[in-house]
C-alpha atoms as a PDB file:
ATOM      1  CA  MET A   1       0.000   0.000   0.000  1.00  0.00           C
ATOM      2  CA  PRO A   2       2.664   2.638   0.836  1.00  0.00           C
ATOM      3  CA  PRO A   3       4.626   4.233  -2.008  1.00  0.00           C
ATOM      4  CA  SER A   4       7.821   2.434  -2.928  1.00  0.00           C
ATOM      5  CA  THR A   5      11.357   3.764  -3.029  1.00  0.00           C
ATOM      6  CA  PRO A   6      13.181   4.186  -6.357  1.00  0.00           C
ATOM      7  CA  GLU A   7      14.646   0.732  -5.748  1.00  0.00           C
ATOM      8  CA  GLY A   8      11.150  -0.734  -5.501  1.00  0.00           C
ATOM      9  CA  ARG A   9      11.286  -1.426  -1.763  1.00  0.00           C
ATOM     10  CA  PRO A  10       8.036  -0.468   0.032  1.00  0.00           C
ATOM     11  CA  SER A  11       8.608   2.484   2.347  1.00  0.00           C
ATOM     12  CA  PHE A  12       7.262   2.847   5.868  1.00  0.00           C
ATOM     13  CA  PRO A  13       4.561   5.537   6.388  1.00  0.00           C
ATOM     14  CA  LEU A  14       6.213   6.480   9.728  1.00  0.00           C
ATOM     15  CA  ASN A  15       4.144   5.522  12.778  1.00  0.00           C
ATOM     16  CA  ILE A  16       1.266   7.816  11.844  1.00  0.00           C
ATOM     17  CA  LEU A  17      -0.774   5.131  10.082  1.00  0.00           C
ATOM     18  CA  ALA A  18      -0.957   2.499  12.837  1.00  0.00           C
ATOM     19  CA  ASP A  19       0.042   4.080  16.157  1.00  0.00           C
ATOM     20  CA  MET A  20      -1.605   7.472  15.833  1.00  0.00           C
ATOM     21  CA  ALA A  21      -4.427   6.987  13.325  1.00  0.00           C
ATOM     22  CA  GLY A  22      -5.295   3.305  13.437  1.00  0.00           C
ATOM     23  CA  GLY A  23      -4.579   3.019  17.146  1.00  0.00           C
ATOM     24  CA  GLY A  24      -4.921   6.326  18.958  1.00  0.00           C
ATOM     25  CA  LEU A  25      -7.540   8.036  16.813  1.00  0.00           C
ATOM     26  CA  ILE A  26      -9.827   4.999  16.524  1.00  0.00           C
ATOM     27  CA  CYS A  27      -9.510   4.338  20.260  1.00  0.00           C
ATOM     28  CA  ALA A  28     -10.303   7.970  21.080  1.00  0.00           C
ATOM     29  CA  THR A  29     -13.343   7.826  18.790  1.00  0.00           C
ATOM     30  CA  GLY A  30     -14.576   4.740  20.620  1.00  0.00           C
ATOM     31  CA  ILE A  31     -14.092   6.414  23.994  1.00  0.00           C
ATOM     32  CA  MET A  32     -16.066   9.460  22.863  1.00  0.00           C
ATOM     33  CA  ALA A  33     -18.876   7.230  21.596  1.00  0.00           C
ATOM     34  CA  ALA A  34     -18.999   5.447  24.965  1.00  0.00           C
ATOM     35  CA  LEU A  35     -19.031   8.742  26.863  1.00  0.00           C
ATOM     36  CA  LEU A  36     -21.861   9.999  24.660  1.00  0.00           C
ATOM     37  CA  LEU A  37     -23.877   6.897  25.511  1.00  0.00           C
ATOM     38  CA  LEU A  38     -23.254   7.442  29.226  1.00  0.00           C
ATOM     39  CA  ALA A  39     -24.232  11.099  28.931  1.00  0.00           C
ATOM     40  CA  ARG A  40     -27.532  10.129  27.307  1.00  0.00           C
ATOM     41  CA  SER A  41     -28.178   7.189  29.647  1.00  0.00           C
ATOM     42  CA  PRO A  42     -26.808   7.959  33.134  1.00  0.00           C
ATOM     43  CA  GLU A  43     -28.034   4.580  34.355  1.00  0.00           C
ATOM     44  CA  ALA A  44     -25.735   2.758  31.923  1.00  0.00           C
ATOM     45  CA  ARG A  45     -22.863   0.885  33.523  1.00  0.00           C
ATOM     46  CA  GLY A  46     -20.275   1.672  30.876  1.00  0.00           C
ATOM     47  CA  GLN A  47     -18.847   0.291  27.682  1.00  0.00           C
ATOM     48  CA  VAL A  48     -15.801  -1.764  26.741  1.00  0.00           C
ATOM     49  CA  ILE A  49     -13.736  -0.227  23.927  1.00  0.00           C
ATOM     50  CA  GLU A  50     -12.188  -2.970  21.831  1.00  0.00           C
ATOM     51  CA  THR A  51      -9.665  -1.706  19.323  1.00  0.00           C
ATOM     52  CA  ASP A  52      -6.190  -2.473  18.048  1.00  0.00           C
ATOM     53  CA  MET A  53      -3.738  -0.821  15.698  1.00  0.00           C
ATOM     54  CA  VAL A  54      -3.896  -3.451  12.951  1.00  0.00           C
ATOM     55  CA  ALA A  55      -7.688  -3.406  12.668  1.00  0.00           C
ATOM     56  CA  GLY A  56      -7.723   0.388  12.965  1.00  0.00           C
ATOM     57  CA  ALA A  57      -5.107   0.855  10.256  1.00  0.00           C
ATOM     58  CA  ARG A  58      -7.043  -1.483   7.972  1.00  0.00           C
ATOM     59  CA  TYR A  59     -10.249   0.468   8.634  1.00  0.00           C
ATOM     60  CA  ILE A  60      -8.792   3.869   7.746  1.00  0.00           C
ATOM     61  CA  SER A  61      -7.218   2.269   4.645  1.00  0.00           C
ATOM     62  CA  SER A  62     -10.602   1.011   3.424  1.00  0.00           C
ATOM     63  CA  PHE A  63     -10.783   3.433   0.508  1.00  0.00           C
ATOM     64  CA  ASN A  64      -7.376   2.438  -0.845  1.00  0.00           C
ATOM     65  CA  LEU A  65      -7.987  -1.281  -0.311  1.00  0.00           C
ATOM     66  CA  ILE A  66     -11.359  -1.250  -2.030  1.00  0.00           C
ATOM     67  CA  GLN A  67     -10.050   0.807  -4.938  1.00  0.00           C
ATOM     68  CA  ALA A  68      -7.075  -1.510  -5.404  1.00  0.00           C
ATOM     69  CA  LEU A  69      -9.368  -4.554  -5.607  1.00  0.00           C
ATOM     70  CA  ILE A  70     -11.577  -3.121  -8.363  1.00  0.00           C
ATOM     71  CA  PRO A  71     -10.683  -4.846 -11.656  1.00  0.00           C
ATOM     72  CA  ASN A  72      -9.006  -2.644 -14.273  1.00  0.00           C
ATOM     73  CA  ASN A  73      -8.857   0.330 -11.913  1.00  0.00           C
ATOM     74  CA  LEU A  74      -6.392   2.600 -13.698  1.00  0.00           C
ATOM     75  CA  ALA A  75      -6.340   5.179 -10.908  1.00  0.00           C
ATOM     76  CA  PHE A  76      -5.514   2.950  -7.932  1.00  0.00           C
ATOM     77  CA  GLY A  77      -4.898  -0.591  -9.158  1.00  0.00           C
ATOM     78  CA  GLN A  78      -1.471  -0.121 -10.737  1.00  0.00           C
ATOM     79  CA  PRO A  79       1.901  -1.353  -9.420  1.00  0.00           C
ATOM     80  CA  PRO A  80       3.446   0.763  -6.623  1.00  0.00           C
ATOM     81  CA  GLY A  81       4.584   4.125  -7.925  1.00  0.00           C
ATOM     82  CA  HIS A  82       2.334   4.035 -10.993  1.00  0.00           C
ATOM     83  CA  SER A  83      -1.103   4.837  -9.555  1.00  0.00           C
ATOM     84  CA  LEU A  84      -2.799   8.193  -9.190  1.00  0.00           C
ATOM     85  CA  LEU A  85      -1.897   9.002  -5.578  1.00  0.00           C
ATOM     86  CA  ASP A  86       1.426   7.232  -5.033  1.00  0.00           C
ATOM     87  CA  GLY A  87       3.681   9.213  -7.355  1.00  0.00           C
ATOM     88  CA  GLY A  88       2.563   7.830 -10.695  1.00  0.00           C
ATOM     89  CA  ALA A  89       0.774  11.014 -11.758  1.00  0.00           C
ATOM     90  CA  PRO A  90       3.067  13.976 -12.520  1.00  0.00           C
ATOM     91  CA  PHE A  91       0.534  16.353 -10.969  1.00  0.00           C
ATOM     92  CA  TYR A  92       0.612  14.490  -7.624  1.00  0.00           C
ATOM     93  CA  ASN A  93       4.273  14.248  -6.766  1.00  0.00           C
ATOM     94  CA  SER A  94       7.226  16.206  -5.374  1.00  0.00           C
ATOM     95  CA  TYR A  95      10.015  17.905  -7.316  1.00  0.00           C
ATOM     96  CA  GLN A  96      13.483  19.095  -6.342  1.00  0.00           C
ATOM     97  CA  CYS A  97      14.463  22.728  -6.882  1.00  0.00           C
ATOM     98  CA  ALA A  98      17.746  24.398  -7.814  1.00  0.00           C
ATOM     99  CA  ASP A  99      18.783  24.822  -4.164  1.00  0.00           C
ATOM    100  CA  GLY A 100      18.018  21.238  -3.155  1.00  0.00           C
ATOM    101  CA  GLY A 101      14.644  22.102  -1.625  1.00  0.00           C
ATOM    102  CA  TRP A 102      11.450  20.348  -2.660  1.00  0.00           C
ATOM    103  CA  MET A 103       8.023  21.454  -3.854  1.00  0.00           C
ATOM    104  CA  SER A 104       4.962  19.218  -3.508  1.00  0.00           C
ATOM    105  CA  VAL A 105       2.377  19.237  -6.294  1.00  0.00           C
ATOM    106  CA  GLY A 106      -1.172  17.999  -5.698  1.00  0.00           C
ATOM    107  CA  CYS A 107      -3.434  19.541  -8.334  1.00  0.00           C
ATOM    108  CA  LEU A 108      -5.828  16.660  -8.989  1.00  0.00           C
ATOM    109  CA  GLU A 109      -8.859  18.704 -10.051  1.00  0.00           C
ATOM    110  CA  PRO A 110      -8.709  19.976 -13.661  1.00  0.00           C
ATOM    111  CA  GLN A 111      -9.193  23.639 -12.743  1.00  0.00           C
ATOM    112  CA  PHE A 112      -6.289  23.465 -10.295  1.00  0.00           C
ATOM    113  CA  TYR A 113      -4.112  21.637 -12.808  1.00  0.00           C
ATOM    114  CA  GLU A 114      -4.808  24.308 -15.408  1.00  0.00           C
ATOM    115  CA  THR A 115      -3.741  27.013 -12.956  1.00  0.00           C
ATOM    116  CA  PHE A 116      -0.589  25.050 -12.180  1.00  0.00           C
ATOM    117  CA  CYS A 117       0.289  24.602 -15.853  1.00  0.00           C
ATOM    118  CA  ASN A 118      -0.152  28.293 -16.607  1.00  0.00           C
ATOM    119  CA  LEU A 119       1.933  29.427 -13.646  1.00  0.00           C
ATOM    120  CA  ILE A 120       4.881  27.111 -14.135  1.00  0.00           C
ATOM    121  CA  GLN A 121       5.055  27.705 -17.891  1.00  0.00           C
ATOM    122  CA  ASN A 122       4.875  31.489 -17.464  1.00  0.00           C
ATOM    123  CA  ASN A 123       7.644  31.564 -14.861  1.00  0.00           C
ATOM    124  CA  LEU A 124      10.430  29.832 -16.759  1.00  0.00           C
ATOM    125  CA  GLY A 125      13.326  31.738 -18.242  1.00  0.00           C
ATOM    126  CA  PRO A 126      13.838  32.013 -21.996  1.00  0.00           C
ATOM    127  CA  VAL A 127      16.822  29.654 -21.804  1.00  0.00           C
ATOM    128  CA  PHE A 128      14.808  26.755 -20.355  1.00  0.00           C
ATOM    129  CA  ARG A 129      15.526  23.623 -22.346  1.00  0.00           C
ATOM    130  CA  PRO A 130      13.637  20.511 -21.233  1.00  0.00           C
ATOM    131  CA  PRO A 131      14.931  17.018 -22.081  1.00  0.00           C
ATOM    132  CA  ALA A 132      14.312  15.931 -25.649  1.00  0.00           C
ATOM    133  CA  ASN A 133      11.819  13.243 -24.627  1.00  0.00           C
ATOM    134  CA  ALA A 134       9.915  15.480 -22.180  1.00  0.00           C
ATOM    135  CA  ILE A 135       6.382  16.751 -22.798  1.00  0.00           C
ATOM    136  CA  CYS A 136       5.091  20.126 -21.640  1.00  0.00           C
ATOM    137  CA  PRO A 137       2.055  19.686 -19.341  1.00  0.00           C
ATOM    138  CA  ASN A 138      -1.233  20.367 -21.080  1.00  0.00           C
ATOM    139  CA  PRO A 139      -4.518  20.691 -19.122  1.00  0.00           C
ATOM    140  CA  ALA A 140      -6.390  18.956 -21.944  1.00  0.00           C
ATOM    141  CA  LYS A 141      -4.091  15.917 -21.599  1.00  0.00           C
ATOM    142  CA  GLN A 142      -4.068  15.670 -17.798  1.00  0.00           C
ATOM    143  CA  ASN A 143      -5.402  12.106 -17.683  1.00  0.00           C
ATOM    144  CA  ASP A 144      -3.387  10.775 -20.607  1.00  0.00           C
ATOM    145  CA  ARG A 145      -1.409   8.150 -18.694  1.00  0.00           C
ATOM    146  CA  ILE A 146       0.870   7.471 -21.663  1.00  0.00           C
ATOM    147  CA  GLN A 147       2.229  11.018 -21.357  1.00  0.00           C
ATOM    148  CA  TRP A 148       2.693  10.963 -17.581  1.00  0.00           C
ATOM    149  CA  PRO A 149       6.374   9.864 -17.511  1.00  0.00           C
ATOM    150  CA  ALA A 150       7.342  12.435 -20.149  1.00  0.00           C
ATOM    151  CA  VAL A 151       5.399  15.199 -18.374  1.00  0.00           C
ATOM    152  CA  ALA A 152       7.162  14.280 -15.124  1.00  0.00           C
ATOM    153  CA  LEU A 153      10.531  14.699 -16.872  1.00  0.00           C
ATOM    154  CA  TRP A 154       9.487  18.164 -18.051  1.00  0.00           C
ATOM    155  CA  LEU A 155       8.394  19.182 -14.551  1.00  0.00           C
ATOM    156  CA  GLU A 156      11.595  17.846 -12.986  1.00  0.00           C
ATOM    157  CA  ALA A 157      13.639  20.008 -15.341  1.00  0.00           C
ATOM    158  CA  ALA A 158      11.384  23.026 -14.820  1.00  0.00           C
ATOM    159  CA  PHE A 159      11.526  22.990 -11.026  1.00  0.00           C
ATOM    160  CA  ARG A 160      15.331  22.706 -11.098  1.00  0.00           C
ATOM    161  CA  THR A 161      15.585  26.109 -12.794  1.00  0.00           C
ATOM    162  CA  ARG A 162      14.738  28.095  -9.659  1.00  0.00           C
ATOM    163  CA  PRO A 163      15.279  27.801  -5.894  1.00  0.00           C
ATOM    164  CA  CYS A 164      12.490  26.691  -3.619  1.00  0.00           C
ATOM    165  CA  SER A 165      11.851  30.169  -2.208  1.00  0.00           C
ATOM    166  CA  GLU A 166      11.186  31.570  -5.683  1.00  0.00           C
ATOM    167  CA  TRP A 167       8.745  28.796  -6.543  1.00  0.00           C
ATOM    168  CA  GLU A 168       6.980  29.471  -3.258  1.00  0.00           C
ATOM    169  CA  GLY A 169       6.470  33.041  -4.388  1.00  0.00           C
ATOM    170  CA  VAL A 170       5.094  31.900  -7.741  1.00  0.00           C
ATOM    171  CA  PHE A 171       2.435  29.603  -6.286  1.00  0.00           C
ATOM    172  CA  LYS A 172       1.616  31.319  -2.997  1.00  0.00           C
ATOM    173  CA  GLY A 173      -1.997  32.478  -2.797  1.00  0.00           C
ATOM    174  CA  THR A 174      -3.054  30.596  -5.941  1.00  0.00           C
ATOM    175  CA  ASP A 175      -5.196  27.512  -6.546  1.00  0.00           C
ATOM    176  CA  ALA A 176      -2.323  25.569  -8.096  1.00  0.00           C
ATOM    177  CA  CYS A 177      -2.090  23.306  -5.021  1.00  0.00           C
ATOM    178  CA  VAL A 178       1.701  23.610  -4.856  1.00  0.00           C
ATOM    179  CA  VAL A 179       3.588  24.218  -1.612  1.00  0.00           C
ATOM    180  CA  ALA A 180       7.118  23.781  -0.334  1.00  0.00           C
ATOM    181  CA  VAL A 181       8.144  20.709   1.636  1.00  0.00           C
ATOM    182  CA  LEU A 182       9.120  22.172   4.998  1.00  0.00           C
ATOM    183  CA  THR A 183      11.290  21.054   7.869  1.00  0.00           C
ATOM    184  CA  PRO A 184       9.532  20.614  11.250  1.00  0.00           C
ATOM    185  CA  ALA A 185      10.888  23.987  12.384  1.00  0.00           C
ATOM    186  CA  GLU A 186       9.696  25.698   9.201  1.00  0.00           C
ATOM    187  CA  ALA A 187       6.289  24.041   9.422  1.00  0.00           C
ATOM    188  CA  ALA A 188       5.779  25.656  12.826  1.00  0.00           C
ATOM    189  CA  ARG A 189       5.771  29.093  11.230  1.00  0.00           C
ATOM    190  CA  ILE A 190       3.540  31.047   8.891  1.00  0.00           C
ATOM    191  CA  HIS A 191       5.822  32.159   6.093  1.00  0.00           C
ATOM    192  CA  GLY A 192       5.811  35.732   4.938  1.00  0.00           C
ATOM    193  CA  PRO A 193       7.948  38.882   4.871  1.00  0.00           C
ATOM    194  CA  ASP A 194       7.735  38.881   8.676  1.00  0.00           C
ATOM    195  CA  PRO A 195       7.241  35.279   9.853  1.00  0.00           C
ATOM    196  CA  VAL A 196       4.603  35.051  12.564  1.00  0.00           C
ATOM    197  CA  ALA A 197       4.140  32.126  14.915  1.00  0.00           C
ATOM    198  CA  HIS A 198       1.224  29.892  13.960  1.00  0.00           C
ATOM    199  CA  PRO A 199      -1.617  30.106  16.526  1.00  0.00           C
ATOM    200  CA  ASN A 200      -1.423  26.339  17.037  1.00  0.00           C
ATOM    201  CA  PHE A 201       2.268  26.512  17.906  1.00  0.00           C
ATOM    202  CA  VAL A 202       3.676  28.286  20.934  1.00  0.00           C
ATOM    203  CA  ASP A 203       7.208  29.205  21.928  1.00  0.00           C
ATOM    204  CA  LEU A 204       8.043  27.972  25.397  1.00  0.00           C
ATOM    205  CA  HIS A 205      11.210  28.570  27.354  1.00  0.00           C
ATOM    206  CA  ASP A 206      13.204  26.115  29.376  1.00  0.00           C
ATOM    207  CA  THR A 207      15.127  26.912  32.539  1.00  0.00           C
ATOM    208  CA  GLU A 208      17.966  28.422  30.518  1.00  0.00           C
ATOM    209  CA  SER A 209      15.611  30.702  28.534  1.00  0.00           C
ATOM    210  CA  ASN A 210      16.116  28.774  25.318  1.00  0.00           C
ATOM    211  CA  SER A 211      13.118  29.051  23.016  1.00  0.00           C
ATOM    212  CA  LYS A 212      11.429  25.775  22.091  1.00  0.00           C
ATOM    213  CA  THR A 213       8.452  25.397  19.780  1.00  0.00           C
ATOM    214  CA  THR A 214       5.700  22.938  20.630  1.00  0.00           C
ATOM    215  CA  ILE A 215       2.126  22.225  19.584  1.00  0.00           C
ATOM    216  CA  ALA A 216      -0.516  23.759  21.833  1.00  0.00           C
ATOM    217  CA  SER A 217      -3.895  23.939  20.125  1.00  0.00           C
ATOM    218  CA  ALA A 218      -6.276  26.310  21.855  1.00  0.00           C
ATOM    219  CA  ARG A 219      -9.860  25.259  22.503  1.00  0.00           C
ATOM    220  CA  THR A 220     -12.357  26.894  20.176  1.00  0.00           C
ATOM    221  CA  SER A 221     -14.952  27.693  22.861  1.00  0.00           C
ATOM    222  CA  PRO A 222     -13.411  27.284  26.311  1.00  0.00           C
ATOM    223  CA  PRO A 223     -15.616  27.908  29.341  1.00  0.00           C
ATOM    224  CA  SER A 224     -12.726  29.872  30.807  1.00  0.00           C
ATOM    225  CA  PRO A 225      -9.412  31.197  29.495  1.00  0.00           C
ATOM    226  CA  SER A 226      -7.147  28.340  28.478  1.00  0.00           C
ATOM    227  CA  PRO A 227      -4.082  28.010  30.702  1.00  0.00           C
ATOM    228  CA  SER A 228      -0.689  28.237  29.074  1.00  0.00           C
ATOM    229  CA  PRO A 229       1.102  24.926  28.593  1.00  0.00           C
ATOM    230  CA  PRO A 230       3.774  24.155  31.173  1.00  0.00           C
ATOM    231  CA  ALA A 231       7.319  25.136  30.323  1.00  0.00           C
ATOM    232  CA  LEU A 232       9.469  22.514  28.655  1.00  0.00           C
ATOM    233  CA  LEU A 233      12.359  21.137  30.661  1.00  0.00           C
ATOM    234  CA  PRO A 234      15.603  20.018  29.031  1.00  0.00           C
ATOM    235  CA  PRO A 235      16.178  16.259  29.325  1.00  0.00           C
ATOM    236  CA  GLY A 236      18.047  15.483  32.528  1.00  0.00           C
ATOM    237  CA  THR A 237      17.126  18.687  34.360  1.00  0.00           C
ATOM    238  CA  HIS A 238      16.502  16.843  37.646  1.00  0.00           C
ATOM    239  CA  THR A 239      18.736  13.799  37.147  1.00  0.00           C
ATOM    240  CA  PHE A 240      21.193  14.580  39.920  1.00  0.00           C
ATOM    241  CA  ASP A 241      18.513  15.725  42.369  1.00  0.00           C
ATOM    242  CA  ILE A 242      16.598  12.481  41.867  1.00  0.00           C
ATOM    243  CA  LEU A 243      19.731  10.354  42.268  1.00  0.00           C
ATOM    244  CA  ARG A 244      20.443  11.987  45.620  1.00  0.00           C
ATOM    245  CA  LYS A 245      16.832  11.621  46.760  1.00  0.00           C
ATOM    246  CA  ILE A 246      16.922   7.865  46.147  1.00  0.00           C
ATOM    247  CA  GLY A 247      20.056   7.562  48.270  1.00  0.00           C
ATOM    248  CA  ILE A 248      22.963   7.606  45.826  1.00  0.00           C
ATOM    249  CA  ASP A 249      25.910   9.543  47.255  1.00  0.00           C
ATOM    250  CA  GLU A 250      28.376  11.738  45.361  1.00  0.00           C
ATOM    251  CA  ALA A 251      30.825   8.888  44.849  1.00  0.00           C
ATOM    252  CA  GLY A 252      28.067   6.758  43.349  1.00  0.00           C
ATOM    253  CA  ILE A 253      27.002   9.560  41.039  1.00  0.00           C
ATOM    254  CA  MET A 254      30.579  10.055  39.875  1.00  0.00           C
ATOM    255  CA  GLU A 255      30.865   6.331  39.182  1.00  0.00           C
ATOM    256  CA  LEU A 256      27.653   6.412  37.113  1.00  0.00           C
ATOM    257  CA  GLN A 257      29.057   9.293  35.104  1.00  0.00           C
ATOM    258  CA  LYS A 258      32.338   7.448  34.592  1.00  0.00           C
ATOM    259  CA  GLN A 259      30.464   4.390  33.294  1.00  0.00           C
ATOM    260  CA  GLY A 260      28.463   6.532  30.889  1.00  0.00           C
ATOM    261  CA  ALA A 261      25.153   5.661  32.550  1.00  0.00           C
ATOM    262  CA  LEU A 262      24.150   9.337  32.586  1.00  0.00           C
ATOM    263  CA  GLY A 263      25.071   9.985  28.974  1.00  0.00           C
ATOM    264  CA  ARG A 264      26.761  13.337  28.515  1.00  0.00           C
ATOM    265  CA  GLN A 265      24.891  15.033  31.329  1.00  0.00           C
ATOM    266  CA  SER A 266      26.810  17.236  33.697  1.00  0.00           C
ATOM    267  CA  GLU A 267      25.392  18.991  36.709  1.00  0.00           C
ATOM    268  CA  VAL A 268      24.990  22.751  36.404  1.00  0.00           C
ATOM    269  CA  ARG A 269      25.032  24.336  39.828  1.00  0.00           C
ATOM    270  CA  SER A 270      23.626  27.816  40.317  1.00  0.00           C
ATOM    271  CA  LYS A 271      26.301  30.414  40.919  1.00  0.00           C
ATOM    272  CA  SER A 272      26.284  32.473  44.070  1.00  0.00           C
ATOM    273  CA  LYS A 273      25.315  36.108  43.646  1.00  0.00           C
ATOM    274  CA  LEU A 274      27.586  37.172  46.500  1.00  0.00           C
END
């Protein structure tokens, strides 16, 4: 089911598919359904939530599984890397830019694909020379699967003519369905002339006043003002305090450090202000 690597080896979809979606999300949905039943029937004794990651992952993959089993399904029944949503379509893929960054393209609908074609063709320099066997994308030929590999070659060459930041400027605010592939730190920001923190991300400070970004979604209609999330603590902040509290003396702590049991941690004692 997951897209394959260039070598043909199936790639892992991180732990989002099973742990978080198939496991956590399905379990949380079951808990909410049980709580709703209890709220409507206070005399009810409760419900047992039976769920597991394998069954949950299969459930949320129902659309893909059903589509893949339909005979002669050109959109979803092709070998890995050749179907509509797994990199086979040139208009649903990612492309590397001149600076090594990547742009993701997802213009499935014809009106979005037409916008994409117009923008990318109108923002290429006069010296652009695509490969000889490449085909310029044409909205009227979007679903011509025979042309897909050649169109992908054209797009690969086109995106390599400019850095990622310039392509962002070309497609920003349009319906081309093209955005940059961001790092986690970049994704926590709203990009613009003056980057502003996203409302769902907050900057917290640890004990050394180092800024750390974390997710903190605010409630949409809280009964009272939402409290700020607790400050993040650097790993190992209380290691030495805890070791002493459980009875390990200074010699024992030094021995643990010598053996590498505490990693690279070193105790930072507060300096006297005298």
